[in-house]
Amino acid sequence: MSIVVYKPDQKTIEYAEFPDVSATANTNILSSNLTFNSTGRVIVQVVPQASGTLSVIIDGISGTAYNGQSLTAGAWFEFEIYVRSGSTLNFQYSTSTTISIIVIFIEVQ
């Protein structure tokens, strides 16, 4: 994992990359939850190596991305969510596979 922090115009932008993570079906993909220290937008980009359904877990509440539709193997998918200060984030995938995830946090002031 690499994290880069930018501060253009005093707005924090954080970038975290999780390349080629080995995901076990229906278990948390990240070894620990991401925690956000302020309110903001989160852009998530994922590319799975097998078709399956992606679940997003925010503050312990799980829901599926893309209305529960199966993601295509080898294709990039992107979505945006909003989080508040103290929120946690993790992901699960319905199939055991390798998956790459990029998380971009943009602070909202």
C-alpha atoms as a PDB file:
ATOM      1  CA  MET A   1       0.000   0.000   0.000  1.00  0.00           C
ATOM      2  CA  SER A   2       1.180   3.500  -0.754  1.00  0.00           C
ATOM      3  CA  ILE A   3      -0.406   6.688   0.537  1.00  0.00           C
ATOM      4  CA  VAL A   4       0.274  10.104  -0.914  1.00  0.00           C
ATOM      5  CA  VAL A   5      -1.159  13.300   0.607  1.00  0.00           C
ATOM      6  CA  TYR A   6      -1.663  16.485  -1.411  1.00  0.00           C
ATOM      7  CA  LYS A   7      -2.836  19.810   0.011  1.00  0.00           C
ATOM      8  CA  PRO A   8      -3.798  22.105  -2.880  1.00  0.00           C
ATOM      9  CA  ASP A   9      -5.608  25.208  -1.598  1.00  0.00           C
ATOM     10  CA  GLN A  10      -5.532  23.686   1.916  1.00  0.00           C
ATOM     11  CA  LYS A  11      -7.874  20.889   0.804  1.00  0.00           C
ATOM     12  CA  THR A  12      -6.489  17.463   1.700  1.00  0.00           C
ATOM     13  CA  ILE A  13      -6.415  14.838  -1.038  1.00  0.00           C
ATOM     14  CA  GLU A  14      -5.209  11.381  -0.030  1.00  0.00           C
ATOM     15  CA  TYR A  15      -4.405   8.555  -2.431  1.00  0.00           C
ATOM     16  CA  ALA A  16      -4.050   4.934  -1.335  1.00  0.00           C
ATOM     17  CA  GLU A  17      -3.206   2.099  -3.689  1.00  0.00           C
ATOM     18  CA  PHE A  18      -3.695  -1.606  -2.938  1.00  0.00           C
ATOM     19  CA  PRO A  19      -2.337  -3.482  -5.976  1.00  0.00           C
ATOM     20  CA  ASP A  20      -2.932  -7.191  -6.559  1.00  0.00           C
ATOM     21  CA  VAL A  21      -4.552  -7.975  -3.201  1.00  0.00           C
ATOM     22  CA  SER A  22      -5.467 -11.630  -2.705  1.00  0.00           C
ATOM     23  CA  ALA A  23      -9.162 -11.596  -1.801  1.00  0.00           C
ATOM     24  CA  THR A  24     -10.904 -14.543  -0.151  1.00  0.00           C
ATOM     25  CA  ALA A  25     -14.589 -14.801  -1.033  1.00  0.00           C
ATOM     26  CA  ASN A  26     -16.907 -12.866   1.295  1.00  0.00           C
ATOM     27  CA  THR A  27     -14.199 -11.711   3.721  1.00  0.00           C
ATOM     28  CA  ASN A  28     -12.714  -8.238   4.167  1.00  0.00           C
ATOM     29  CA  ILE A  29     -10.263  -7.467   1.375  1.00  0.00           C
ATOM     30  CA  LEU A  30      -8.178  -4.943   3.321  1.00  0.00           C
ATOM     31  CA  SER A  31      -6.350  -6.311   6.360  1.00  0.00           C
ATOM     32  CA  SER A  32      -7.600  -3.338   8.390  1.00  0.00           C
ATOM     33  CA  ASN A  33     -10.373  -0.837   7.746  1.00  0.00           C
ATOM     34  CA  LEU A  34      -9.526   2.534   6.269  1.00  0.00           C
ATOM     35  CA  THR A  35     -10.513   5.289   8.723  1.00  0.00           C
ATOM     36  CA  PHE A  36     -11.196   8.858   7.652  1.00  0.00           C
ATOM     37  CA  ASN A  37     -10.253  11.777   9.904  1.00  0.00           C
ATOM     38  CA  SER A  38     -12.527  14.302   8.214  1.00  0.00           C
ATOM     39  CA  THR A  39     -15.652  14.501   6.067  1.00  0.00           C
ATOM     40  CA  GLY A  40     -15.192  14.087   2.337  1.00  0.00           C
ATOM     41  CA  ARG A  41     -15.694  12.337  -0.972  1.00  0.00           C
ATOM     42  CA  VAL A  42     -14.119   8.972  -1.624  1.00  0.00           C
ATOM     43  CA  ILE A  43     -13.501   7.825  -5.180  1.00  0.00           C
ATOM     44  CA  VAL A  44     -12.934   4.079  -5.419  1.00  0.00           C
ATOM     45  CA  GLN A  45     -11.431   2.369  -8.469  1.00  0.00           C
ATOM     46  CA  VAL A  46     -11.248  -1.427  -8.654  1.00  0.00           C
ATOM     47  CA  VAL A  47     -10.152  -4.032 -11.169  1.00  0.00           C
ATOM     48  CA  PRO A  48     -10.938  -7.667 -10.240  1.00  0.00           C
ATOM     49  CA  GLN A  49      -9.260 -10.611 -11.976  1.00  0.00           C
ATOM     50  CA  ALA A  50     -12.447 -12.719 -11.774  1.00  0.00           C
ATOM     51  CA  SER A  51     -16.098 -11.815 -12.230  1.00  0.00           C
ATOM     52  CA  GLY A  52     -18.068 -11.315  -9.029  1.00  0.00           C
ATOM     53  CA  THR A  53     -19.993  -8.904  -6.828  1.00  0.00           C
ATOM     54  CA  LEU A  54     -18.278  -6.156  -4.833  1.00  0.00           C
ATOM     55  CA  SER A  55     -19.615  -5.217  -1.407  1.00  0.00           C
ATOM     56  CA  VAL A  56     -18.716  -1.900   0.211  1.00  0.00           C
ATOM     57  CA  ILE A  57     -18.704  -1.764   4.021  1.00  0.00           C
ATOM     58  CA  ILE A  58     -19.042   1.706   5.536  1.00  0.00           C
ATOM     59  CA  ASP A  59     -19.175   1.963   9.340  1.00  0.00           C
ATOM     60  CA  GLY A  60     -19.970  -1.758   9.523  1.00  0.00           C
ATOM     61  CA  ILE A  61     -22.934  -1.508   7.114  1.00  0.00           C
ATOM     62  CA  SER A  62     -22.549  -3.593   3.958  1.00  0.00           C
ATOM     63  CA  GLY A  63     -24.119  -2.923   0.561  1.00  0.00           C
ATOM     64  CA  THR A  64     -23.291  -3.989  -2.971  1.00  0.00           C
ATOM     65  CA  ALA A  65     -21.753  -1.724  -5.577  1.00  0.00           C
ATOM     66  CA  TYR A  66     -23.358  -1.450  -9.019  1.00  0.00           C
ATOM     67  CA  ASN A  67     -26.783  -2.616  -7.777  1.00  0.00           C
ATOM     68  CA  GLY A  68     -25.350  -6.057  -7.075  1.00  0.00           C
ATOM     69  CA  GLN A  69     -24.411  -6.678 -10.699  1.00  0.00           C
ATOM     70  CA  SER A  70     -21.401  -8.863 -11.401  1.00  0.00           C
ATOM     71  CA  LEU A  71     -18.193  -6.991 -12.232  1.00  0.00           C
ATOM     72  CA  THR A  72     -16.362  -8.115 -15.363  1.00  0.00           C
ATOM     73  CA  ALA A  73     -12.945  -9.702 -14.874  1.00  0.00           C
ATOM     74  CA  GLY A  74     -10.085  -7.449 -15.958  1.00  0.00           C
ATOM     75  CA  ALA A  75     -12.228  -4.309 -16.288  1.00  0.00           C
ATOM     76  CA  TRP A  76     -11.857  -1.086 -14.268  1.00  0.00           C
ATOM     77  CA  PHE A  77     -14.850   0.096 -12.246  1.00  0.00           C
ATOM     78  CA  GLU A  78     -15.172   3.412 -10.437  1.00  0.00           C
ATOM     79  CA  PHE A  79     -17.692   4.809  -7.959  1.00  0.00           C
ATOM     80  CA  GLU A  80     -17.916   7.613  -5.429  1.00  0.00           C
ATOM     81  CA  ILE A  81     -19.178   7.671  -1.845  1.00  0.00           C
ATOM     82  CA  TYR A  82     -19.282  10.259   0.910  1.00  0.00           C
ATOM     83  CA  VAL A  83     -17.932   9.661   4.405  1.00  0.00           C
ATOM     84  CA  ARG A  84     -17.925  11.641   7.621  1.00  0.00           C
ATOM     85  CA  SER A  85     -15.112  12.093  10.086  1.00  0.00           C
ATOM     86  CA  GLY A  86     -14.463   8.807  11.870  1.00  0.00           C
ATOM     87  CA  SER A  87     -16.044   6.622   9.176  1.00  0.00           C
ATOM     88  CA  THR A  88     -14.461   3.286   8.320  1.00  0.00           C
ATOM     89  CA  LEU A  89     -14.324   1.585   4.932  1.00  0.00           C
ATOM     90  CA  ASN A  90     -13.595  -1.930   3.696  1.00  0.00           C
ATOM     91  CA  PHE A  91     -14.626  -4.183   0.821  1.00  0.00           C
ATOM     92  CA  GLN A  92     -15.613  -7.797   0.190  1.00  0.00           C
ATOM     93  CA  TYR A  93     -15.828  -9.742  -3.062  1.00  0.00           C
ATOM     94  CA  SER A  94     -18.068 -12.692  -3.774  1.00  0.00           C
ATOM     95  CA  THR A  95     -15.309 -14.723  -5.438  1.00  0.00           C
ATOM     96  CA  SER A  96     -11.787 -15.576  -4.310  1.00  0.00           C
ATOM     97  CA  THR A  97      -9.513 -13.672  -6.686  1.00  0.00           C
ATOM     98  CA  THR A  98      -6.840 -11.020  -7.005  1.00  0.00           C
ATOM     99  CA  ILE A  99      -8.149  -7.470  -6.992  1.00  0.00           C
ATOM    100  CA  SER A 100      -6.517  -4.040  -7.251  1.00  0.00           C
ATOM    101  CA  ILE A 101      -8.076  -1.087  -5.437  1.00  0.00           C
ATOM    102  CA  ILE A 102      -7.328   2.633  -5.537  1.00  0.00           C
ATOM    103  CA  VAL A 103      -8.947   4.912  -2.950  1.00  0.00           C
ATOM    104  CA  ILE A 104      -8.860   8.688  -3.407  1.00  0.00           C
ATOM    105  CA  PHE A 105     -10.146  10.836  -0.514  1.00  0.00           C
ATOM    106  CA  ILE A 106     -10.981  14.506  -1.101  1.00  0.00           C
ATOM    107  CA  GLU A 107     -11.730  16.492   2.030  1.00  0.00           C
ATOM    108  CA  VAL A 108     -14.915  18.590   1.994  1.00  0.00           C
ATOM    109  CA  GLN A 109     -14.647  21.805   3.961  1.00  0.00           C
END
